[in-house]
Amino acid sequence: MIFTLLNRDEFDDFSRVHANSAFVQSKPMAELLELQKRKVLIFGVKENNQIIAAGLFSLRKIFGPYNIGHCNQGPLIDWTNQELVKFFFQNLKQALKPYKCINCLITPNFEVYPRDIDGEICGEENNLNIIDYLNQVGVKHQGYDNSAINGVGRWFFYKDFSGLNNEQDLLDSFDHATRQNIRKTIKNNLGVSYDGEERLAKFVNLMEKTAARRDFDDRGLSYYRNLKQAFG
């Protein structure tokens, strides 16, 4: 196995077909991070000239020459392959040293406990053994909470579409409150459109008004312009 820097195209090809892929582990995300003035590094492991693990990392300046590393919903790796996991993180630690990276935060994209729609643990299966092994190789688990780490939420909802054959089946599969919201959206003829940058100012104005009404901080025009430029 060889630990190496990857170019964005080969990383994107790998990310697109990986089982745990996410849009934050992609070529457009690398471009967005650079627009946000982050240093971007893509590390990977190759075996027989084939990528078998990879991760998009960004560095955030904290003081002087020192940085904090971030890897959102990555790296993309077979977490059950302990030899590969150990090899990746041992080499990652050494690879980040020249960049004065004093800490690196990762949010691996695997499920710890399967949960139902109410957030309750269902069944006895879990991936605690992965967390235990990560601790053994020097990746320290920082505990459970409901906050966002690296700007990524700790909870994700996945909709199971198996057995749903049409729109009515899909609608019936939601709870009452969600069905009401969907019907209201249809009644008011709300939809999604893909607009050019000329509509961004109008969108930002809407977001600012919503932020004031809902009491949250909006990120402003430059943030949305960078998103548009990176993701199209």
Protein backbone atom coordinates (compact mmCIF):
# COMPACT_ATOMS: atom_id res chain seq x y z
CA MET A 1 0.00 0.00 0.00
CA ILE A 2 1.14 3.54 -0.79
CA PHE A 3 -0.04 6.70 1.00
CA THR A 4 -0.01 9.66 -1.38
CA LEU A 5 -1.54 12.96 -2.41
CA LEU A 6 -4.28 12.61 -5.03
CA ASN A 7 -5.36 14.97 -7.76
CA ARG A 8 -8.96 16.16 -7.75
CA ASP A 9 -10.11 14.25 -10.80
CA GLU A 10 -8.96 10.83 -9.59
CA PHE A 11 -10.37 11.58 -6.14
CA ASP A 12 -13.72 12.59 -7.62
CA ASP A 13 -13.89 9.40 -9.68
CA PHE A 14 -13.27 7.37 -6.52
CA SER A 15 -15.74 9.39 -4.44
CA ARG A 16 -18.58 9.00 -6.94
CA VAL A 17 -18.65 5.21 -6.59
CA HIS A 18 -17.74 4.83 -2.92
CA ALA A 19 -20.43 3.39 -0.65
CA ASN A 20 -20.02 6.16 1.95
CA SER A 21 -19.61 9.05 -0.46
CA ALA A 22 -20.99 12.50 0.35
CA PHE A 23 -21.00 15.78 -1.55
CA VAL A 24 -18.58 17.26 1.01
CA GLN A 25 -16.07 14.65 -0.20
CA SER A 26 -15.98 15.75 -3.83
CA LYS A 27 -14.09 17.86 -6.35
CA PRO A 28 -16.63 20.74 -6.22
CA MET A 29 -16.26 20.84 -2.43
CA ALA A 30 -12.49 21.19 -2.81
CA GLU A 31 -13.10 24.17 -5.10
CA LEU A 32 -15.52 25.71 -2.60
CA LEU A 33 -13.02 25.36 0.25
CA GLU A 34 -10.38 27.13 -1.82
CA LEU A 35 -12.80 29.96 -2.54
CA GLN A 36 -13.19 30.20 1.24
CA LYS A 37 -9.40 30.65 1.50
CA ARG A 38 -8.75 27.18 2.95
CA LYS A 39 -5.72 25.06 2.15
CA VAL A 40 -7.00 21.87 0.49
CA LEU A 41 -5.24 18.50 0.64
CA ILE A 42 -6.49 15.20 -0.76
CA PHE A 43 -4.77 12.17 0.72
CA GLY A 44 -5.28 8.61 -0.44
CA VAL A 45 -4.04 5.05 -0.29
CA LYS A 46 -3.26 3.15 -3.47
CA GLU A 47 -2.76 -0.57 -3.93
CA ASN A 48 -1.73 -1.96 -7.32
CA ASN A 49 -2.18 1.59 -8.62
CA GLN A 50 -5.86 1.60 -7.56
CA ILE A 51 -7.27 3.98 -4.93
CA ILE A 52 -8.65 2.04 -1.97
CA ALA A 53 -9.10 4.94 0.49
CA ALA A 54 -9.14 8.72 0.21
CA GLY A 55 -10.12 11.86 2.05
CA LEU A 56 -10.56 15.56 1.33
CA PHE A 57 -8.95 17.62 4.09
CA SER A 58 -8.91 21.37 4.61
CA LEU A 59 -6.69 23.47 6.86
CA ARG A 60 -8.00 26.43 8.84
CA LYS A 61 -5.50 28.97 10.15
CA ILE A 62 -5.75 29.56 13.91
CA PHE A 63 -2.67 31.58 14.93
CA GLY A 64 0.76 32.19 13.46
CA PRO A 65 1.74 29.30 11.16
CA TYR A 66 -0.53 26.79 12.90
CA ASN A 67 -3.63 25.15 11.47
CA ILE A 68 -6.58 22.96 12.41
CA GLY A 69 -7.42 20.21 9.94
CA HIS A 70 -10.95 19.20 8.96
CA CYS A 71 -12.32 16.18 7.11
CA ASN A 72 -16.11 16.24 6.79
CA GLN A 73 -17.89 12.90 6.37
CA GLY A 74 -14.63 11.21 5.55
CA PRO A 75 -12.22 9.78 4.85
CA LEU A 76 -13.78 7.37 2.38
CA ILE A 77 -12.47 4.04 3.60
CA ASP A 78 -13.53 0.52 4.52
CA TRP A 79 -13.85 1.02 8.27
CA THR A 80 -13.94 -2.74 8.86
CA ASN A 81 -10.46 -3.15 7.34
CA GLN A 82 -8.35 -2.51 10.43
CA GLU A 83 -5.03 -2.83 8.60
CA LEU A 84 -6.09 -0.18 6.09
CA VAL A 85 -7.51 2.14 8.77
CA LYS A 86 -4.30 1.94 10.81
CA PHE A 87 -2.14 2.53 7.73
CA PHE A 88 -4.19 5.55 6.67
CA PHE A 89 -4.18 7.39 9.98
CA GLN A 90 -0.57 6.64 10.88
CA ASN A 91 0.52 8.10 7.55
CA LEU A 92 -1.96 10.98 7.78
CA LYS A 93 -0.41 12.14 11.05
CA GLN A 94 3.01 12.34 9.44
CA ALA A 95 1.66 13.95 6.25
CA LEU A 96 0.03 16.81 8.17
CA LYS A 97 3.12 17.73 10.21
CA PRO A 98 4.77 19.88 7.49
CA TYR A 99 1.59 21.98 7.38
CA LYS A 100 1.84 22.86 11.11
CA CYS A 101 -1.46 21.05 11.72
CA ILE A 102 -1.82 20.74 15.50
CA ASN A 103 -5.18 18.95 15.46
CA CYS A 104 -7.40 17.32 12.85
CA LEU A 105 -11.14 16.86 13.27
CA ILE A 106 -12.92 14.16 11.28
CA THR A 107 -16.59 13.23 11.09
CA PRO A 108 -16.60 9.68 9.66
CA ASN A 109 -19.61 8.85 7.53
CA PHE A 110 -20.74 5.67 9.25
CA GLU A 111 -23.66 4.90 11.51
CA VAL A 112 -22.91 4.17 15.18
CA TYR A 113 -26.41 2.99 16.12
CA PRO A 114 -29.36 2.35 13.80
CA ARG A 115 -32.30 4.42 15.01
CA ASP A 116 -35.97 4.71 14.19
CA ILE A 117 -37.82 7.83 13.05
CA ASP A 118 -38.09 9.01 16.67
CA GLY A 119 -34.35 8.71 17.25
CA GLU A 120 -34.62 5.62 19.44
CA ILE A 121 -32.01 2.88 19.08
CA CYS A 122 -33.47 -0.13 17.29
CA GLY A 123 -31.87 -3.54 17.33
CA GLU A 124 -28.58 -4.59 18.86
CA GLU A 125 -26.24 -3.94 15.92
CA ASN A 126 -23.76 -1.08 16.23
CA ASN A 127 -20.34 0.07 15.07
CA LEU A 128 -18.78 0.74 18.46
CA ASN A 129 -15.93 -1.59 17.51
CA ILE A 130 -14.87 0.88 14.81
CA ILE A 131 -14.73 3.71 17.36
CA ASP A 132 -12.75 1.50 19.74
CA TYR A 133 -10.21 0.69 17.04
CA LEU A 134 -9.89 4.34 15.97
CA ASN A 135 -9.03 5.18 19.57
CA GLN A 136 -6.36 2.47 19.50
CA VAL A 137 -4.67 3.99 16.45
CA GLY A 138 -4.69 7.50 17.90
CA VAL A 139 -7.98 8.93 16.62
CA LYS A 140 -9.71 10.01 19.82
CA HIS A 141 -13.49 9.98 20.01
CA GLN A 142 -14.73 13.25 21.52
CA GLY A 143 -18.06 11.93 22.73
CA TYR A 144 -21.68 12.26 21.74
CA ASP A 145 -23.70 15.44 21.54
CA ASN A 146 -26.23 17.08 19.24
CA SER A 147 -24.03 19.92 18.03
CA ALA A 148 -22.55 20.37 14.58
CA ILE A 149 -18.90 19.35 14.18
CA ASN A 150 -17.00 20.89 11.24
CA GLY A 151 -20.35 22.43 10.30
CA VAL A 152 -21.79 18.93 9.80
CA GLY A 153 -24.76 17.72 11.82
CA ARG A 154 -24.39 14.62 13.98
CA TRP A 155 -27.80 13.27 12.90
CA PHE A 156 -28.82 12.18 9.42
CA PHE A 157 -32.22 10.97 8.25
CA TYR A 158 -32.44 8.40 5.47
CA LYS A 159 -35.75 7.60 3.81
CA ASP A 160 -36.37 3.94 2.93
CA PHE A 161 -38.10 3.83 -0.47
CA SER A 162 -38.45 0.05 -0.65
CA GLY A 163 -42.05 -1.05 -1.18
CA LEU A 164 -43.15 2.42 -2.35
CA ASN A 165 -44.56 2.11 -5.85
CA ASN A 166 -46.10 5.52 -6.52
CA GLU A 167 -46.54 9.07 -5.21
CA GLN A 168 -49.47 8.12 -2.99
CA ASP A 169 -47.49 5.33 -1.33
CA LEU A 170 -44.71 7.80 -0.64
CA LEU A 171 -47.09 10.39 0.82
CA ASP A 172 -48.79 7.78 3.01
CA SER A 173 -45.42 6.66 4.40
CA PHE A 174 -44.88 10.00 6.19
CA ASP A 175 -46.40 11.04 9.50
CA HIS A 176 -49.44 13.34 9.65
CA ALA A 177 -47.53 16.61 10.14
CA THR A 178 -45.22 15.90 7.20
CA ARG A 179 -48.15 14.99 4.95
CA GLN A 180 -49.81 18.29 5.84
CA ASN A 181 -46.66 20.24 4.94
CA ILE A 182 -46.35 18.41 1.62
CA ARG A 183 -49.99 19.08 0.74
CA LYS A 184 -49.56 22.76 1.65
CA THR A 185 -46.49 22.97 -0.60
CA ILE A 186 -48.40 21.41 -3.51
CA LYS A 187 -51.41 23.67 -2.92
CA ASN A 188 -49.24 26.80 -2.95
CA ASN A 189 -47.45 25.63 -6.10
CA LEU A 190 -43.99 25.76 -4.54
CA GLY A 191 -41.10 24.18 -6.42
CA VAL A 192 -37.36 24.18 -6.95
CA SER A 193 -35.72 26.07 -9.79
CA TYR A 194 -32.12 26.39 -10.96
CA ASP A 195 -31.28 30.03 -11.57
CA GLY A 196 -28.21 31.96 -12.62
CA GLU A 197 -26.12 34.23 -10.44
CA GLU A 198 -28.30 37.20 -11.38
CA ARG A 199 -30.98 35.86 -9.02
CA LEU A 200 -28.63 35.47 -6.04
CA ALA A 201 -29.22 38.97 -4.68
CA LYS A 202 -32.96 38.33 -4.53
CA PHE A 203 -32.36 34.98 -2.84
CA VAL A 204 -30.01 36.53 -0.27
CA ASN A 205 -32.57 39.21 0.51
CA LEU A 206 -35.12 36.47 1.20
CA MET A 207 -32.61 34.60 3.40
CA GLU A 208 -31.78 37.74 5.39
CA LYS A 209 -35.45 38.38 6.11
CA THR A 210 -35.94 34.74 7.13
CA ALA A 211 -32.85 34.91 9.37
CA ALA A 212 -34.22 37.97 11.15
CA ARG A 213 -37.61 36.34 11.59
CA ARG A 214 -36.25 32.95 12.70
CA ASP A 215 -33.31 34.34 14.70
CA PHE A 216 -30.33 32.74 12.96
CA ASP A 217 -27.24 34.15 11.25
CA ASP A 218 -27.23 34.21 7.46
CA ARG A 219 -23.88 33.76 5.68
CA GLY A 220 -24.29 36.53 3.15
CA LEU A 221 -23.95 36.98 -0.60
CA SER A 222 -20.31 35.88 -0.94
CA TYR A 223 -21.08 32.50 0.64
CA TYR A 224 -23.89 31.73 -1.82
CA ARG A 225 -21.88 33.08 -4.75
CA ASN A 226 -19.03 30.71 -3.89
CA LEU A 227 -21.47 27.80 -3.60
CA LYS A 228 -22.88 28.62 -7.02
CA GLN A 229 -19.42 28.90 -8.55
CA ALA A 230 -18.21 25.59 -7.10
CA PHE A 231 -21.29 23.42 -7.57
CA GLY A 232 -22.90 25.12 -10.57
